[in-house]
Amino acid sequence: MTSLVDFSRIKETSDGDVEFEQELIGMYLEDAEGHVADIMRNSGSGDLAAVKSTAHTLKGASANIGAVGMQEAALAVEKAANAGDHALLQDQVVQIQQVFTSTNEEFNDYLKTL
């Protein structure tokens, strides 16, 4: 399986500070979980502007920490919301939930090695 996380990015950001790395990962996972929940809620209510905005924020945060799988999934959600394609958006919402679960597991497995 291909990694959903580019761990060199988080190592570069933390500059070798393991405690800072742990803190960054924890904050990211907490924020990402909230963003995914917001995307689910707003897509269900049809608020495409909110979905697009949240997905855009999640895409940037994911890029900053090296969560490339989440970055790609958030981009797909953002594009579907921007296009107003409700059927595609629902598919992408399911996908981003799955990618978040796997990304969360990957980060937590990595944290155990620190």
PDB file of N, CA and C in Angstrom:
ATOM      1  N   MET A   1       0.839  -1.192   0.000  1.00  0.00           N
ATOM      2  CA  MET A   1       0.000   0.000   0.000  1.00  0.00           C
ATOM      3  C   MET A   1       0.882   1.252   0.000  1.00  0.00           C
ATOM      4  N   THR A   2       0.511   2.204  -0.778  1.00  0.00           N
ATOM      5  CA  THR A   2       1.224   3.469  -0.853  1.00  0.00           C
ATOM      6  C   THR A   2       0.891   4.314   0.374  1.00  0.00           C
ATOM      7  N   SER A   3       1.889   4.965   0.900  1.00  0.00           N
ATOM      8  CA  SER A   3       1.684   5.803   2.074  1.00  0.00           C
ATOM      9  C   SER A   3       0.835   7.022   1.734  1.00  0.00           C
ATOM     10  N   LEU A   4      -0.056   7.373   2.630  1.00  0.00           N
ATOM     11  CA  LEU A   4      -0.887   8.564   2.494  1.00  0.00           C
ATOM     12  C   LEU A   4      -0.195   9.790   3.079  1.00  0.00           C
ATOM     13  N   VAL A   5       0.952   9.559   3.701  1.00  0.00           N
ATOM     14  CA  VAL A   5       1.664  10.643   4.387  1.00  0.00           C
ATOM     15  C   VAL A   5       3.116  10.681   3.926  1.00  0.00           C
ATOM     16  N   ASP A   6       3.585  11.881   3.631  1.00  0.00           N
ATOM     17  CA  ASP A   6       4.993  12.120   3.322  1.00  0.00           C
ATOM     18  C   ASP A   6       5.636  12.575   4.633  1.00  0.00           C
ATOM     19  N   PHE A   7       6.197  11.623   5.352  1.00  0.00           N
ATOM     20  CA  PHE A   7       6.739  11.929   6.676  1.00  0.00           C
ATOM     21  C   PHE A   7       7.948  12.852   6.622  1.00  0.00           C
ATOM     22  N   SER A   8       8.593  12.951   5.476  1.00  0.00           N
ATOM     23  CA  SER A   8       9.725  13.882   5.379  1.00  0.00           C
ATOM     24  C   SER A   8       9.247  15.326   5.544  1.00  0.00           C
ATOM     25  N   ARG A   9       8.007  15.589   5.162  1.00  0.00           N
ATOM     26  CA  ARG A   9       7.451  16.950   5.282  1.00  0.00           C
ATOM     27  C   ARG A   9       7.304  17.348   6.758  1.00  0.00           C
ATOM     28  N   ILE A  10       6.754  16.460   7.566  1.00  0.00           N
ATOM     29  CA  ILE A  10       6.559  16.772   8.987  1.00  0.00           C
ATOM     30  C   ILE A  10       7.914  16.842   9.701  1.00  0.00           C
ATOM     31  N   LYS A  11       8.848  16.005   9.280  1.00  0.00           N
ATOM     32  CA  LYS A  11      10.187  16.061   9.887  1.00  0.00           C
ATOM     33  C   LYS A  11      10.873  17.379   9.550  1.00  0.00           C
ATOM     34  N   GLU A  12      10.689  17.825   8.313  1.00  0.00           N
ATOM     35  CA  GLU A  12      11.265  19.100   7.890  1.00  0.00           C
ATOM     36  C   GLU A  12      10.649  20.250   8.675  1.00  0.00           C
ATOM     37  N   THR A  13       9.343  20.215   8.835  1.00  0.00           N
ATOM     38  CA  THR A  13       8.633  21.274   9.558  1.00  0.00           C
ATOM     39  C   THR A  13       9.049  21.323  11.021  1.00  0.00           C
ATOM     40  N   SER A  14       9.215  20.158  11.633  1.00  0.00           N
ATOM     41  CA  SER A  14       9.546  20.107  13.061  1.00  0.00           C
ATOM     42  C   SER A  14      11.040  20.290  13.323  1.00  0.00           C
ATOM     43  N   ASP A  15      11.844  20.225  12.276  1.00  0.00           N
ATOM     44  CA  ASP A  15      13.287  20.415  12.393  1.00  0.00           C
ATOM     45  C   ASP A  15      13.897  19.502  13.464  1.00  0.00           C
ATOM     46  N   GLY A  16      13.415  18.259  13.496  1.00  0.00           N
ATOM     47  CA  GLY A  16      13.980  17.269  14.412  1.00  0.00           C
ATOM     48  C   GLY A  16      13.462  17.323  15.834  1.00  0.00           C
ATOM     49  N   ASP A  17      12.561  18.234  16.127  1.00  0.00           N
ATOM     50  CA  ASP A  17      11.990  18.361  17.471  1.00  0.00           C
ATOM     51  C   ASP A  17      10.811  17.394  17.590  1.00  0.00           C
ATOM     52  N   VAL A  18      11.049  16.260  18.245  1.00  0.00           N
ATOM     53  CA  VAL A  18      10.049  15.196  18.323  1.00  0.00           C
ATOM     54  C   VAL A  18       8.783  15.663  19.042  1.00  0.00           C
ATOM     55  N   GLU A  19       8.932  16.407  20.118  1.00  0.00           N
ATOM     56  CA  GLU A  19       7.746  16.888  20.844  1.00  0.00           C
ATOM     57  C   GLU A  19       6.905  17.814  19.964  1.00  0.00           C
ATOM     58  N   PHE A  20       7.565  18.675  19.214  1.00  0.00           N
ATOM     59  CA  PHE A  20       6.856  19.576  18.304  1.00  0.00           C
ATOM     60  C   PHE A  20       6.160  18.770  17.201  1.00  0.00           C
ATOM     61  N   GLU A  21       6.847  17.753  16.711  1.00  0.00           N
ATOM     62  CA  GLU A  21       6.278  16.872  15.691  1.00  0.00           C
ATOM     63  C   GLU A  21       5.008  16.195  16.223  1.00  0.00           C
ATOM     64  N   GLN A  22       5.069  15.679  17.430  1.00  0.00           N
ATOM     65  CA  GLN A  22       3.905  15.043  18.048  1.00  0.00           C
ATOM     66  C   GLN A  22       2.753  16.040  18.203  1.00  0.00           C
ATOM     67  N   GLU A  23       3.091  17.246  18.622  1.00  0.00           N
ATOM     68  CA  GLU A  23       2.084  18.294  18.806  1.00  0.00           C
ATOM     69  C   GLU A  23       1.436  18.663  17.469  1.00  0.00           C
ATOM     70  N   LEU A  24       2.248  18.837  16.434  1.00  0.00           N
ATOM     71  CA  LEU A  24       1.725  19.179  15.112  1.00  0.00           C
ATOM     72  C   LEU A  24       0.778  18.103  14.584  1.00  0.00           C
ATOM     73  N   ILE A  25       1.185  16.857  14.732  1.00  0.00           N
ATOM     74  CA  ILE A  25       0.355  15.750  14.255  1.00  0.00           C
ATOM     75  C   ILE A  25      -0.956  15.707  15.027  1.00  0.00           C
ATOM     76  N   GLY A  26      -0.889  15.864  16.335  1.00  0.00           N
ATOM     77  CA  GLY A  26      -2.099  15.856  17.155  1.00  0.00           C
ATOM     78  C   GLY A  26      -3.061  16.968  16.768  1.00  0.00           C
ATOM     79  N   MET A  27      -2.522  18.166  16.583  1.00  0.00           N
ATOM     80  CA  MET A  27      -3.370  19.302  16.195  1.00  0.00           C
ATOM     81  C   MET A  27      -3.970  19.069  14.809  1.00  0.00           C
ATOM     82  N   TYR A  28      -3.145  18.570  13.890  1.00  0.00           N
ATOM     83  CA  TYR A  28      -3.647  18.318  12.534  1.00  0.00           C
ATOM     84  C   TYR A  28      -4.793  17.307  12.560  1.00  0.00           C
ATOM     85  N   LEU A  29      -4.593  16.192  13.255  1.00  0.00           N
ATOM     86  CA  LEU A  29      -5.621  15.145  13.269  1.00  0.00           C
ATOM     87  C   LEU A  29      -6.919  15.649  13.891  1.00  0.00           C
ATOM     88  N   GLU A  30      -6.809  16.431  14.937  1.00  0.00           N
ATOM     89  CA  GLU A  30      -8.005  16.989  15.576  1.00  0.00           C
ATOM     90  C   GLU A  30      -8.731  17.948  14.622  1.00  0.00           C
ATOM     91  N   ASP A  31      -7.963  18.837  14.011  1.00  0.00           N
ATOM     92  CA  ASP A  31      -8.556  19.798  13.068  1.00  0.00           C
ATOM     93  C   ASP A  31      -9.144  19.087  11.854  1.00  0.00           C
ATOM     94  N   ALA A  32      -8.396  18.128  11.312  1.00  0.00           N
ATOM     95  CA  ALA A  32      -8.860  17.410  10.120  1.00  0.00           C
ATOM     96  C   ALA A  32     -10.153  16.659  10.407  1.00  0.00           C
ATOM     97  N   GLU A  33     -10.245  16.052  11.585  1.00  0.00           N
ATOM     98  CA  GLU A  33     -11.468  15.336  11.959  1.00  0.00           C
ATOM     99  C   GLU A  33     -12.660  16.298  11.966  1.00  0.00           C
ATOM    100  N   GLY A  34     -12.458  17.486  12.516  1.00  0.00           N
ATOM    101  CA  GLY A  34     -13.515  18.494  12.532  1.00  0.00           C
ATOM    102  C   GLY A  34     -13.881  18.965  11.136  1.00  0.00           C
ATOM    103  N   HIS A  35     -12.877  19.144  10.283  1.00  0.00           N
ATOM    104  CA  HIS A  35     -13.138  19.571   8.907  1.00  0.00           C
ATOM    105  C   HIS A  35     -13.918  18.500   8.143  1.00  0.00           C
ATOM    106  N   VAL A  36     -13.549  17.247   8.319  1.00  0.00           N
ATOM    107  CA  VAL A  36     -14.267  16.161   7.643  1.00  0.00           C
ATOM    108  C   VAL A  36     -15.718  16.121   8.126  1.00  0.00           C
ATOM    109  N   ALA A  37     -15.924  16.297   9.426  1.00  0.00           N
ATOM    110  CA  ALA A  37     -17.296  16.324   9.968  1.00  0.00           C
ATOM    111  C   ALA A  37     -18.080  17.498   9.387  1.00  0.00           C
ATOM    112  N   ASP A  38     -17.431  18.655   9.269  1.00  0.00           N
ATOM    113  CA  ASP A  38     -18.094  19.830   8.677  1.00  0.00           C
ATOM    114  C   ASP A  38     -18.449  19.574   7.217  1.00  0.00           C
ATOM    115  N   ILE A  39     -17.538  18.952   6.479  1.00  0.00           N
ATOM    116  CA  ILE A  39     -17.801  18.632   5.079  1.00  0.00           C
ATOM    117  C   ILE A  39     -19.004  17.697   4.972  1.00  0.00           C
ATOM    118  N   MET A  40     -19.049  16.692   5.818  1.00  0.00           N
ATOM    119  CA  MET A  40     -20.179  15.751   5.803  1.00  0.00           C
ATOM    120  C   MET A  40     -21.487  16.474   6.088  1.00  0.00           C
ATOM    121  N   ARG A  41     -21.481  17.285   7.137  1.00  0.00           N
ATOM    122  CA  ARG A  41     -22.696  17.992   7.544  1.00  0.00           C
ATOM    123  C   ARG A  41     -23.153  18.966   6.459  1.00  0.00           C
ATOM    124  N   ASN A  42     -22.232  19.753   5.948  1.00  0.00           N
ATOM    125  CA  ASN A  42     -22.588  20.764   4.963  1.00  0.00           C
ATOM    126  C   ASN A  42     -22.956  20.169   3.605  1.00  0.00           C
ATOM    127  N   SER A  43     -22.345  19.052   3.257  1.00  0.00           N
ATOM    128  CA  SER A  43     -22.738  18.413   1.997  1.00  0.00           C
ATOM    129  C   SER A  43     -24.140  17.836   2.126  1.00  0.00           C
ATOM    130  N   GLY A  44     -24.462  17.335   3.310  1.00  0.00           N
ATOM    131  CA  GLY A  44     -25.802  16.797   3.549  1.00  0.00           C
ATOM    132  C   GLY A  44     -26.877  17.865   3.504  1.00  0.00           C
ATOM    133  N   SER A  45     -26.528  19.079   3.910  1.00  0.00           N
ATOM    134  CA  SER A  45     -27.508  20.167   3.905  1.00  0.00           C
ATOM    135  C   SER A  45     -27.493  20.945   2.591  1.00  0.00           C
ATOM    136  N   GLY A  46     -26.549  20.596   1.705  1.00  0.00           N
ATOM    137  CA  GLY A  46     -26.489  21.260   0.406  1.00  0.00           C
ATOM    138  C   GLY A  46     -25.753  22.586   0.396  1.00  0.00           C
ATOM    139  N   ASP A  47     -25.014  22.892   1.464  1.00  0.00           N
ATOM    140  CA  ASP A  47     -24.264  24.148   1.535  1.00  0.00           C
ATOM    141  C   ASP A  47     -22.917  23.970   0.829  1.00  0.00           C
ATOM    142  N   LEU A  48     -22.944  24.088  -0.485  1.00  0.00           N
ATOM    143  CA  LEU A  48     -21.746  23.827  -1.278  1.00  0.00           C
ATOM    144  C   LEU A  48     -20.643  24.848  -1.034  1.00  0.00           C
ATOM    145  N   ALA A  49     -21.013  26.090  -0.747  1.00  0.00           N
ATOM    146  CA  ALA A  49     -20.001  27.115  -0.468  1.00  0.00           C
ATOM    147  C   ALA A  49     -19.211  26.746   0.791  1.00  0.00           C
ATOM    148  N   ALA A  50     -19.907  26.276   1.818  1.00  0.00           N
ATOM    149  CA  ALA A  50     -19.232  25.872   3.052  1.00  0.00           C
ATOM    150  C   ALA A  50     -18.371  24.633   2.824  1.00  0.00           C
ATOM    151  N   VAL A  51     -18.876  23.695   2.022  1.00  0.00           N
ATOM    152  CA  VAL A  51     -18.091  22.491   1.706  1.00  0.00           C
ATOM    153  C   VAL A  51     -16.806  22.891   0.990  1.00  0.00           C
ATOM    154  N   LYS A  52     -16.943  23.747  -0.008  1.00  0.00           N
ATOM    155  CA  LYS A  52     -15.781  24.185  -0.792  1.00  0.00           C
ATOM    156  C   LYS A  52     -14.754  24.886   0.106  1.00  0.00           C
ATOM    157  N   SER A  53     -15.214  25.781   0.959  1.00  0.00           N
ATOM    158  CA  SER A  53     -14.325  26.519   1.847  1.00  0.00           C
ATOM    159  C   SER A  53     -13.596  25.587   2.821  1.00  0.00           C
ATOM    160  N   THR A  54     -14.335  24.680   3.419  1.00  0.00           N
ATOM    161  CA  THR A  54     -13.746  23.747   4.385  1.00  0.00           C
ATOM    162  C   THR A  54     -12.761  22.813   3.700  1.00  0.00           C
ATOM    163  N   ALA A  55     -13.124  22.325   2.526  1.00  0.00           N
ATOM    164  CA  ALA A  55     -12.229  21.433   1.791  1.00  0.00           C
ATOM    165  C   ALA A  55     -10.942  22.168   1.406  1.00  0.00           C
ATOM    166  N   HIS A  56     -11.073  23.429   1.044  1.00  0.00           N
ATOM    167  CA  HIS A  56      -9.900  24.232   0.680  1.00  0.00           C
ATOM    168  C   HIS A  56      -8.968  24.392   1.896  1.00  0.00           C
ATOM    169  N   THR A  57      -9.538  24.672   3.039  1.00  0.00           N
ATOM    170  CA  THR A  57      -8.755  24.804   4.274  1.00  0.00           C
ATOM    171  C   THR A  57      -8.058  23.486   4.616  1.00  0.00           C
ATOM    172  N   LEU A  58      -8.798  22.391   4.513  1.00  0.00           N
ATOM    173  CA  LEU A  58      -8.246  21.065   4.817  1.00  0.00           C
ATOM    174  C   LEU A  58      -7.141  20.699   3.830  1.00  0.00           C
ATOM    175  N   LYS A  59      -7.316  21.067   2.582  1.00  0.00           N
ATOM    176  CA  LYS A  59      -6.302  20.791   1.558  1.00  0.00           C
ATOM    177  C   LYS A  59      -4.979  21.472   1.927  1.00  0.00           C
ATOM    178  N   GLY A  60      -5.046  22.733   2.329  1.00  0.00           N
ATOM    179  CA  GLY A  60      -3.841  23.464   2.700  1.00  0.00           C
ATOM    180  C   GLY A  60      -3.174  22.916   3.947  1.00  0.00           C
ATOM    181  N   ALA A  61      -3.973  22.622   4.949  1.00  0.00           N
ATOM    182  CA  ALA A  61      -3.418  22.071   6.196  1.00  0.00           C
ATOM    183  C   ALA A  61      -2.759  20.716   5.937  1.00  0.00           C
ATOM    184  N   SER A  62      -3.388  19.929   5.086  1.00  0.00           N
ATOM    185  CA  SER A  62      -2.854  18.602   4.761  1.00  0.00           C
ATOM    186  C   SER A  62      -1.537  18.724   4.005  1.00  0.00           C
ATOM    187  N   ALA A  63      -1.465  19.675   3.089  1.00  0.00           N
ATOM    188  CA  ALA A  63      -0.221  19.898   2.342  1.00  0.00           C
ATOM    189  C   ALA A  63       0.905  20.308   3.286  1.00  0.00           C
ATOM    190  N   ASN A  64       0.590  21.158   4.246  1.00  0.00           N
ATOM    191  CA  ASN A  64       1.606  21.650   5.174  1.00  0.00           C
ATOM    192  C   ASN A  64       2.227  20.551   6.021  1.00  0.00           C
ATOM    193  N   ILE A  65       1.453  19.531   6.346  1.00  0.00           N
ATOM    194  CA  ILE A  65       1.964  18.483   7.231  1.00  0.00           C
ATOM    195  C   ILE A  65       2.404  17.238   6.451  1.00  0.00           C
ATOM    196  N   GLY A  66       2.147  17.216   5.156  1.00  0.00           N
ATOM    197  CA  GLY A  66       2.550  16.071   4.340  1.00  0.00           C
ATOM    198  C   GLY A  66       1.506  14.982   4.217  1.00  0.00           C
ATOM    199  N   ALA A  67       0.259  15.295   4.567  1.00  0.00           N
ATOM    200  CA  ALA A  67      -0.834  14.317   4.444  1.00  0.00           C
ATOM    201  C   ALA A  67      -1.356  14.366   3.004  1.00  0.00           C
ATOM    202  N   VAL A  68      -0.565  13.776   2.101  1.00  0.00           N
ATOM    203  CA  VAL A  68      -0.847  13.897   0.671  1.00  0.00           C
ATOM    204  C   VAL A  68      -2.158  13.240   0.262  1.00  0.00           C
ATOM    205  N   GLY A  69      -2.527  12.157   0.905  1.00  0.00           N
ATOM    206  CA  GLY A  69      -3.797  11.500   0.606  1.00  0.00           C
ATOM    207  C   GLY A  69      -4.975  12.394   0.950  1.00  0.00           C
ATOM    208  N   MET A  70      -4.900  13.047   2.094  1.00  0.00           N
ATOM    209  CA  MET A  70      -5.961  13.969   2.498  1.00  0.00           C
ATOM    210  C   MET A  70      -5.970  15.204   1.611  1.00  0.00           C
ATOM    211  N   GLN A  71      -4.802  15.660   1.217  1.00  0.00           N
ATOM    212  CA  GLN A  71      -4.713  16.810   0.331  1.00  0.00           C
ATOM    213  C   GLN A  71      -5.445  16.513  -0.980  1.00  0.00           C
ATOM    214  N   GLU A  72      -5.198  15.342  -1.547  1.00  0.00           N
ATOM    215  CA  GLU A  72      -5.850  14.946  -2.800  1.00  0.00           C
ATOM    216  C   GLU A  72      -7.353  14.755  -2.617  1.00  0.00           C
ATOM    217  N   ALA A  73      -7.748  14.137  -1.506  1.00  0.00           N
ATOM    218  CA  ALA A  73      -9.171  13.909  -1.247  1.00  0.00           C
ATOM    219  C   ALA A  73      -9.904  15.229  -1.043  1.00  0.00           C
ATOM    220  N   ALA A  74      -9.271  16.158  -0.346  1.00  0.00           N
ATOM    221  CA  ALA A  74      -9.886  17.471  -0.121  1.00  0.00           C
ATOM    222  C   ALA A  74     -10.013  18.240  -1.433  1.00  0.00           C
ATOM    223  N   LEU A  75      -9.019  18.120  -2.297  1.00  0.00           N
ATOM    224  CA  LEU A  75      -9.089  18.760  -3.607  1.00  0.00           C
ATOM    225  C   LEU A  75     -10.261  18.195  -4.415  1.00  0.00           C
ATOM    226  N   ALA A  76     -10.462  16.891  -4.366  1.00  0.00           N
ATOM    227  CA  ALA A  76     -11.565  16.261  -5.094  1.00  0.00           C
ATOM    228  C   ALA A  76     -12.915  16.749  -4.567  1.00  0.00           C
ATOM    229  N   VAL A  77     -13.032  16.890  -3.247  1.00  0.00           N
ATOM    230  CA  VAL A  77     -14.264  17.411  -2.641  1.00  0.00           C
ATOM    231  C   VAL A  77     -14.472  18.854  -3.087  1.00  0.00           C
ATOM    232  N   GLU A  78     -13.410  19.649  -3.025  1.00  0.00           N
ATOM    233  CA  GLU A  78     -13.496  21.055  -3.413  1.00  0.00           C
ATOM    234  C   GLU A  78     -13.956  21.185  -4.867  1.00  0.00           C
ATOM    235  N   LYS A  79     -13.394  20.383  -5.752  1.00  0.00           N
ATOM    236  CA  LYS A  79     -13.766  20.436  -7.170  1.00  0.00           C
ATOM    237  C   LYS A  79     -15.224  20.024  -7.381  1.00  0.00           C
ATOM    238  N   ALA A  80     -15.674  18.987  -6.695  1.00  0.00           N
ATOM    239  CA  ALA A  80     -17.059  18.527  -6.837  1.00  0.00           C
ATOM    240  C   ALA A  80     -18.036  19.584  -6.330  1.00  0.00           C
ATOM    241  N   ALA A  81     -17.693  20.218  -5.210  1.00  0.00           N
ATOM    242  CA  ALA A  81     -18.547  21.279  -4.664  1.00  0.00           C
ATOM    243  C   ALA A  81     -18.575  22.473  -5.603  1.00  0.00           C
ATOM    244  N   ASN A  82     -17.422  22.818  -6.147  1.00  0.00           N
ATOM    245  CA  ASN A  82     -17.325  23.951  -7.061  1.00  0.00           C
ATOM    246  C   ASN A  82     -18.156  23.703  -8.324  1.00  0.00           C
ATOM    247  N   ALA A  83     -18.177  22.458  -8.784  1.00  0.00           N
ATOM    248  CA  ALA A  83     -18.935  22.102  -9.987  1.00  0.00           C
ATOM    249  C   ALA A  83     -20.429  21.958  -9.704  1.00  0.00           C
ATOM    250  N   GLY A  84     -20.790  21.904  -8.426  1.00  0.00           N
ATOM    251  CA  GLY A  84     -22.192  21.725  -8.065  1.00  0.00           C
ATOM    252  C   GLY A  84     -22.714  20.331  -8.369  1.00  0.00           C
ATOM    253  N   ASP A  85     -21.795  19.373  -8.447  1.00  0.00           N
ATOM    254  CA  ASP A  85     -22.142  17.990  -8.776  1.00  0.00           C
ATOM    255  C   ASP A  85     -22.431  17.232  -7.472  1.00  0.00           C
ATOM    256  N   HIS A  86     -23.708  17.176  -7.102  1.00  0.00           N
ATOM    257  CA  HIS A  86     -24.099  16.581  -5.815  1.00  0.00           C
ATOM    258  C   HIS A  86     -23.780  15.088  -5.737  1.00  0.00           C
ATOM    259  N   ALA A  87     -23.993  14.362  -6.833  1.00  0.00           N
ATOM    260  CA  ALA A  87     -23.727  12.921  -6.820  1.00  0.00           C
ATOM    261  C   ALA A  87     -22.225  12.658  -6.643  1.00  0.00           C
ATOM    262  N   LEU A  88     -21.414  13.371  -7.403  1.00  0.00           N
ATOM    263  CA  LEU A  88     -19.961  13.223  -7.272  1.00  0.00           C
ATOM    264  C   LEU A  88     -19.504  13.664  -5.890  1.00  0.00           C
ATOM    265  N   LEU A  89     -20.091  14.732  -5.385  1.00  0.00           N
ATOM    266  CA  LEU A  89     -19.718  15.222  -4.062  1.00  0.00           C
ATOM    267  C   LEU A  89     -19.972  14.157  -3.001  1.00  0.00           C
ATOM    268  N   GLN A  90     -21.105  13.497  -3.070  1.00  0.00           N
ATOM    269  CA  GLN A  90     -21.400  12.453  -2.076  1.00  0.00           C
ATOM    270  C   GLN A  90     -20.374  11.325  -2.152  1.00  0.00           C
ATOM    271  N   ASP A  91     -19.970  10.966  -3.374  1.00  0.00           N
ATOM    272  CA  ASP A  91     -18.927   9.944  -3.534  1.00  0.00           C
ATOM    273  C   ASP A  91     -17.613  10.417  -2.921  1.00  0.00           C
ATOM    274  N   GLN A  92     -17.286  11.681  -3.143  1.00  0.00           N
ATOM    275  CA  GLN A  92     -16.036  12.233  -2.621  1.00  0.00           C
ATOM    276  C   GLN A  92     -16.070  12.363  -1.097  1.00  0.00           C
ATOM    277  N   VAL A  93     -17.244  12.619  -0.548  1.00  0.00           N
ATOM    278  CA  VAL A  93     -17.386  12.701   0.914  1.00  0.00           C
ATOM    279  C   VAL A  93     -17.116  11.329   1.535  1.00  0.00           C
ATOM    280  N   VAL A  94     -17.646  10.294   0.926  1.00  0.00           N
ATOM    281  CA  VAL A  94     -17.373   8.931   1.411  1.00  0.00           C
ATOM    282  C   VAL A  94     -15.869   8.654   1.319  1.00  0.00           C
ATOM    283  N   GLN A  95     -15.279   9.047   0.209  1.00  0.00           N
ATOM    284  CA  GLN A  95     -13.847   8.825  -0.011  1.00  0.00           C
ATOM    285  C   GLN A  95     -13.004   9.565   1.027  1.00  0.00           C
ATOM    286  N   ILE A  96     -13.336  10.818   1.299  1.00  0.00           N
ATOM    287  CA  ILE A  96     -12.514  11.580   2.249  1.00  0.00           C
ATOM    288  C   ILE A  96     -12.627  11.003   3.658  1.00  0.00           C
ATOM    289  N   GLN A  97     -13.777  10.452   4.003  1.00  0.00           N
ATOM    290  CA  GLN A  97     -13.920   9.796   5.309  1.00  0.00           C
ATOM    291  C   GLN A  97     -12.977   8.597   5.395  1.00  0.00           C
ATOM    292  N   GLN A  98     -12.925   7.810   4.334  1.00  0.00           N
ATOM    293  CA  GLN A  98     -12.059   6.631   4.312  1.00  0.00           C
ATOM    294  C   GLN A  98     -10.587   7.023   4.352  1.00  0.00           C
ATOM    295  N   VAL A  99     -10.251   8.050   3.584  1.00  0.00           N
ATOM    296  CA  VAL A  99      -8.859   8.508   3.560  1.00  0.00           C
ATOM    297  C   VAL A  99      -8.467   9.065   4.935  1.00  0.00           C
ATOM    298  N   PHE A 100      -9.383   9.778   5.588  1.00  0.00           N
ATOM    299  CA  PHE A 100      -9.058  10.300   6.918  1.00  0.00           C
ATOM    300  C   PHE A 100      -8.797   9.160   7.898  1.00  0.00           C
ATOM    301  N   THR A 101      -9.635   8.143   7.874  1.00  0.00           N
ATOM    302  CA  THR A 101      -9.441   7.000   8.775  1.00  0.00           C
ATOM    303  C   THR A 101      -8.072   6.372   8.564  1.00  0.00           C
ATOM    304  N   SER A 102      -7.695   6.164   7.317  1.00  0.00           N
ATOM    305  CA  SER A 102      -6.391   5.562   7.012  1.00  0.00           C
ATOM    306  C   SER A 102      -5.240   6.491   7.363  1.00  0.00           C
ATOM    307  N   THR A 103      -5.403   7.776   7.109  1.00  0.00           N
ATOM    308  CA  THR A 103      -4.364   8.759   7.440  1.00  0.00           C
ATOM    309  C   THR A 103      -4.171   8.832   8.948  1.00  0.00           C
ATOM    310  N   ASN A 104      -5.272   8.833   9.683  1.00  0.00           N
ATOM    311  CA  ASN A 104      -5.224   8.854  11.141  1.00  0.00           C
ATOM    312  C   ASN A 104      -4.444   7.641  11.651  1.00  0.00           C
ATOM    313  N   GLU A 105      -4.743   6.470  11.095  1.00  0.00           N
ATOM    314  CA  GLU A 105      -4.037   5.254  11.503  1.00  0.00           C
ATOM    315  C   GLU A 105      -2.550   5.350  11.178  1.00  0.00           C
ATOM    316  N   GLU A 106      -2.240   5.879   9.998  1.00  0.00           N
ATOM    317  CA  GLU A 106      -0.842   5.993   9.585  1.00  0.00           C
ATOM    318  C   GLU A 106      -0.073   6.943  10.509  1.00  0.00           C
ATOM    319  N   PHE A 107      -0.669   8.075  10.827  1.00  0.00           N
ATOM    320  CA  PHE A 107      -0.015   9.008  11.746  1.00  0.00           C
ATOM    321  C   PHE A 107       0.141   8.394  13.136  1.00  0.00           C
ATOM    322  N   ASN A 108      -0.886   7.711  13.624  1.00  0.00           N
ATOM    323  CA  ASN A 108      -0.802   7.107  14.953  1.00  0.00           C
ATOM    324  C   ASN A 108       0.243   5.995  15.005  1.00  0.00           C
ATOM    325  N   ASP A 109       0.355   5.217  13.931  1.00  0.00           N
ATOM    326  CA  ASP A 109       1.410   4.205  13.868  1.00  0.00           C
ATOM    327  C   ASP A 109       2.786   4.879  13.892  1.00  0.00           C
ATOM    328  N   TYR A 110       2.910   5.983  13.178  1.00  0.00           N
ATOM    329  CA  TYR A 110       4.171   6.724  13.137  1.00  0.00           C
ATOM    330  C   TYR A 110       4.505   7.290  14.523  1.00  0.00           C
ATOM    331  N   LEU A 111       3.514   7.822  15.201  1.00  0.00           N
ATOM    332  CA  LEU A 111       3.754   8.385  16.541  1.00  0.00           C
ATOM    333  C   LEU A 111       4.306   7.340  17.503  1.00  0.00           C
ATOM    334  N   LYS A 112       3.911   6.108  17.328  1.00  0.00           N
ATOM    335  CA  LYS A 112       4.402   5.019  18.192  1.00  0.00           C
ATOM    336  C   LYS A 112       5.889   4.775  17.994  1.00  0.00           C
ATOM    337  N   THR A 113       6.432   5.193  16.857  1.00  0.00           N
ATOM    338  CA  THR A 113       7.853   4.975  16.585  1.00  0.00           C
ATOM    339  C   THR A 113       8.736   6.097  17.117  1.00  0.00           C
ATOM    340  N   LEU A 114       8.139   7.183  17.541  1.00  0.00           N
ATOM    341  CA  LEU A 114       8.928   8.347  18.010  1.00  0.00           C
ATOM    342  C   LEU A 114       9.396   8.162  19.436  1.00  0.00           C
TER     343      LEU A 114
END
